[in-house]
Amino acid sequence: MQEGRLTIYNAVYAFDSSYGRSFRNYLSEHLNYTYLNYLSKKIRRQDIFDEHVDYIYEFNQTKQTNEGYYQFLKKEMEKILTKREYIVYTLREVQNYSVDYVSEHYYLPKKTIYNTLYRAKQKLHKHFNN
C-alpha cells in the first residue's frame, strides 16, 4: 500500500508530458513496475529462506548447555516465575523463538505473551538485583 502511494507521489513530480503520453498511462506503467518489483523481491526472499531454512533455524536457536551456572539460573527462574511466565520467558528469551511461534503452539494471544514477558522480566530483575 505504501509503495503504491510513493509511486503515485513520485510519478506526479516525474511526469513529463513532452513524451506524448497521458499521465494515466504513465502512472499505470509505474504502478505495474512497482508491483512486479515488490512481488519478485518477496519471491526471491522466500526462495532464499526456503533454501537456507535449516541453517537459519540452527544458528538462530540458542544452544542449551549443561553448565552449572545455566542449571542454577534455570532452577532459580522456576522458583520465581509462574509456570506460564517460565515457559514463555524461556521460549522467547532463552531459546529465541518468535512471539508468533509461542502464540501458535501455546494458543496464547500475542498481547498476553508480551504482558507475560514484561512481568517475568520485572520479577527476575527484582530478584537478581536485590
Protein backbone atom coordinates (compact mmCIF):
# COMPACT_ATOMS: atom_id res chain seq x y z
CA MET A 1 0.00 0.00 0.00
CA GLN A 2 2.71 2.45 0.96
CA GLU A 3 4.78 1.59 -2.11
CA GLY A 4 1.78 2.45 -4.30
CA ARG A 5 1.36 5.83 -2.64
CA LEU A 6 5.04 6.62 -3.02
CA THR A 7 4.88 5.60 -6.67
CA ILE A 8 1.96 7.95 -7.28
CA TYR A 9 3.73 10.74 -5.44
CA ASN A 10 6.94 10.24 -7.44
CA ALA A 11 5.02 9.93 -10.71
CA VAL A 12 3.32 13.29 -10.15
CA TYR A 13 6.68 15.03 -9.91
CA ALA A 14 8.49 12.98 -12.57
CA PHE A 15 5.78 13.10 -15.26
CA ASP A 16 6.88 14.80 -18.45
CA SER A 17 4.12 15.50 -20.99
CA SER A 18 6.64 16.14 -23.76
CA TYR A 19 6.84 12.38 -24.43
CA GLY A 20 3.27 12.43 -25.72
CA ARG A 21 1.81 10.04 -23.16
CA SER A 22 -1.06 10.67 -20.81
CA PHE A 23 -0.48 10.77 -17.09
CA ARG A 24 -2.84 7.83 -16.67
CA ASN A 25 -0.70 5.57 -18.90
CA TYR A 26 2.49 6.82 -17.27
CA LEU A 27 1.13 6.12 -13.79
CA SER A 28 -0.22 2.71 -14.80
CA GLU A 29 3.21 1.63 -16.09
CA HIS A 30 4.94 2.78 -12.93
CA LEU A 31 2.41 1.10 -10.65
CA ASN A 32 2.77 -2.16 -12.59
CA TYR A 33 6.55 -1.93 -12.41
CA THR A 34 6.47 -1.24 -8.68
CA TYR A 35 4.06 -4.10 -8.02
CA LEU A 36 6.09 -6.59 -10.09
CA ASN A 37 9.30 -5.44 -8.41
CA TYR A 38 7.69 -5.91 -4.99
CA LEU A 39 6.48 -9.41 -5.89
CA SER A 40 9.83 -10.50 -7.31
CA LYS A 41 11.63 -9.32 -4.15
CA LYS A 42 9.14 -11.17 -1.98
CA ILE A 43 9.51 -14.35 -4.03
CA ARG A 44 13.33 -14.11 -4.00
CA ARG A 45 13.36 -13.63 -0.25
CA GLN A 46 11.05 -16.60 0.24
CA ASP A 47 13.22 -18.74 -2.06
CA ILE A 48 16.34 -17.76 -0.12
CA PHE A 49 14.60 -18.56 3.16
CA ASP A 50 13.34 -21.93 1.87
CA GLU A 51 16.80 -22.82 0.58
CA HIS A 52 18.54 -21.99 3.87
CA VAL A 53 15.81 -22.74 6.43
CA ASP A 54 17.84 -25.43 8.23
CA TYR A 55 20.87 -23.15 8.51
CA ILE A 56 18.75 -20.24 9.72
CA TYR A 57 16.96 -22.38 12.29
CA GLU A 58 20.16 -24.00 13.54
CA PHE A 59 22.13 -20.81 14.03
CA ASN A 60 19.30 -18.67 15.40
CA GLN A 61 18.48 -21.01 18.26
CA THR A 62 20.42 -20.75 21.47
CA LYS A 63 22.29 -23.90 22.34
CA GLN A 64 21.40 -25.18 25.79
CA THR A 65 24.34 -26.17 27.86
CA ASN A 66 24.59 -28.31 30.96
CA GLU A 67 26.86 -25.87 32.71
CA GLY A 68 26.28 -25.47 36.41
CA TYR A 69 25.57 -21.76 36.14
CA TYR A 70 22.90 -22.29 33.49
CA GLN A 71 21.26 -25.01 35.60
CA PHE A 72 21.36 -22.74 38.66
CA LEU A 73 19.68 -19.89 36.79
CA LYS A 74 17.09 -22.25 35.36
CA LYS A 75 16.17 -23.54 38.85
CA GLU A 76 16.01 -20.00 40.24
CA MET A 77 13.72 -18.92 37.39
CA GLU A 78 11.44 -21.90 38.05
CA LYS A 79 11.14 -20.83 41.70
CA ILE A 80 10.44 -17.18 40.93
CA LEU A 81 8.16 -17.35 37.89
CA THR A 82 4.74 -18.88 37.41
CA LYS A 83 4.50 -21.84 35.05
CA ARG A 84 3.23 -19.68 32.17
CA GLU A 85 5.84 -16.99 32.77
CA TYR A 86 8.61 -19.60 32.87
CA ILE A 87 7.50 -21.27 29.63
CA VAL A 88 7.01 -18.02 27.73
CA TYR A 89 10.23 -16.47 29.05
CA THR A 90 12.42 -19.48 28.27
CA LEU A 91 10.93 -19.95 24.81
CA ARG A 92 11.20 -16.30 23.83
CA GLU A 93 14.27 -15.01 25.66
CA VAL A 94 16.42 -18.09 26.23
CA GLN A 95 15.62 -20.22 23.18
CA ASN A 96 14.91 -17.28 20.83
CA TYR A 97 11.55 -18.44 19.48
CA SER A 98 9.36 -15.80 17.90
CA VAL A 99 6.23 -14.46 19.56
CA ASP A 100 4.25 -15.89 16.63
CA TYR A 101 5.65 -19.35 17.33
CA VAL A 102 4.78 -19.18 21.03
CA SER A 103 1.34 -17.83 20.22
CA GLU A 104 0.57 -20.60 17.73
CA HIS A 105 1.93 -23.50 19.78
CA TYR A 106 0.58 -22.48 23.19
CA TYR A 107 -2.67 -20.85 21.99
CA LEU A 108 -1.94 -17.54 23.67
CA PRO A 109 -2.78 -14.12 22.26
CA LYS A 110 0.27 -12.02 21.40
CA LYS A 111 -0.74 -9.36 23.92
CA THR A 112 -0.75 -11.99 26.67
CA ILE A 113 2.73 -13.11 25.64
CA TYR A 114 4.08 -9.55 25.75
CA ASN A 115 2.45 -8.94 29.13
CA THR A 116 3.79 -12.23 30.49
CA LEU A 117 7.30 -11.42 29.27
CA TYR A 118 7.12 -8.00 30.89
CA ARG A 119 6.03 -9.46 34.25
CA ALA A 120 8.68 -12.18 34.09
CA LYS A 121 11.44 -9.67 33.32
CA GLN A 122 10.30 -7.45 36.18
CA LYS A 123 10.31 -10.37 38.63
CA LEU A 124 13.73 -11.59 37.50
CA HIS A 125 15.20 -8.10 37.59
CA LYS A 126 13.85 -7.51 41.08
CA HIS A 127 15.08 -10.91 42.34
CA PHE A 128 18.59 -10.82 40.88
CA ASN A 129 19.28 -7.15 41.63
CA ASN A 130 18.41 -7.35 45.34
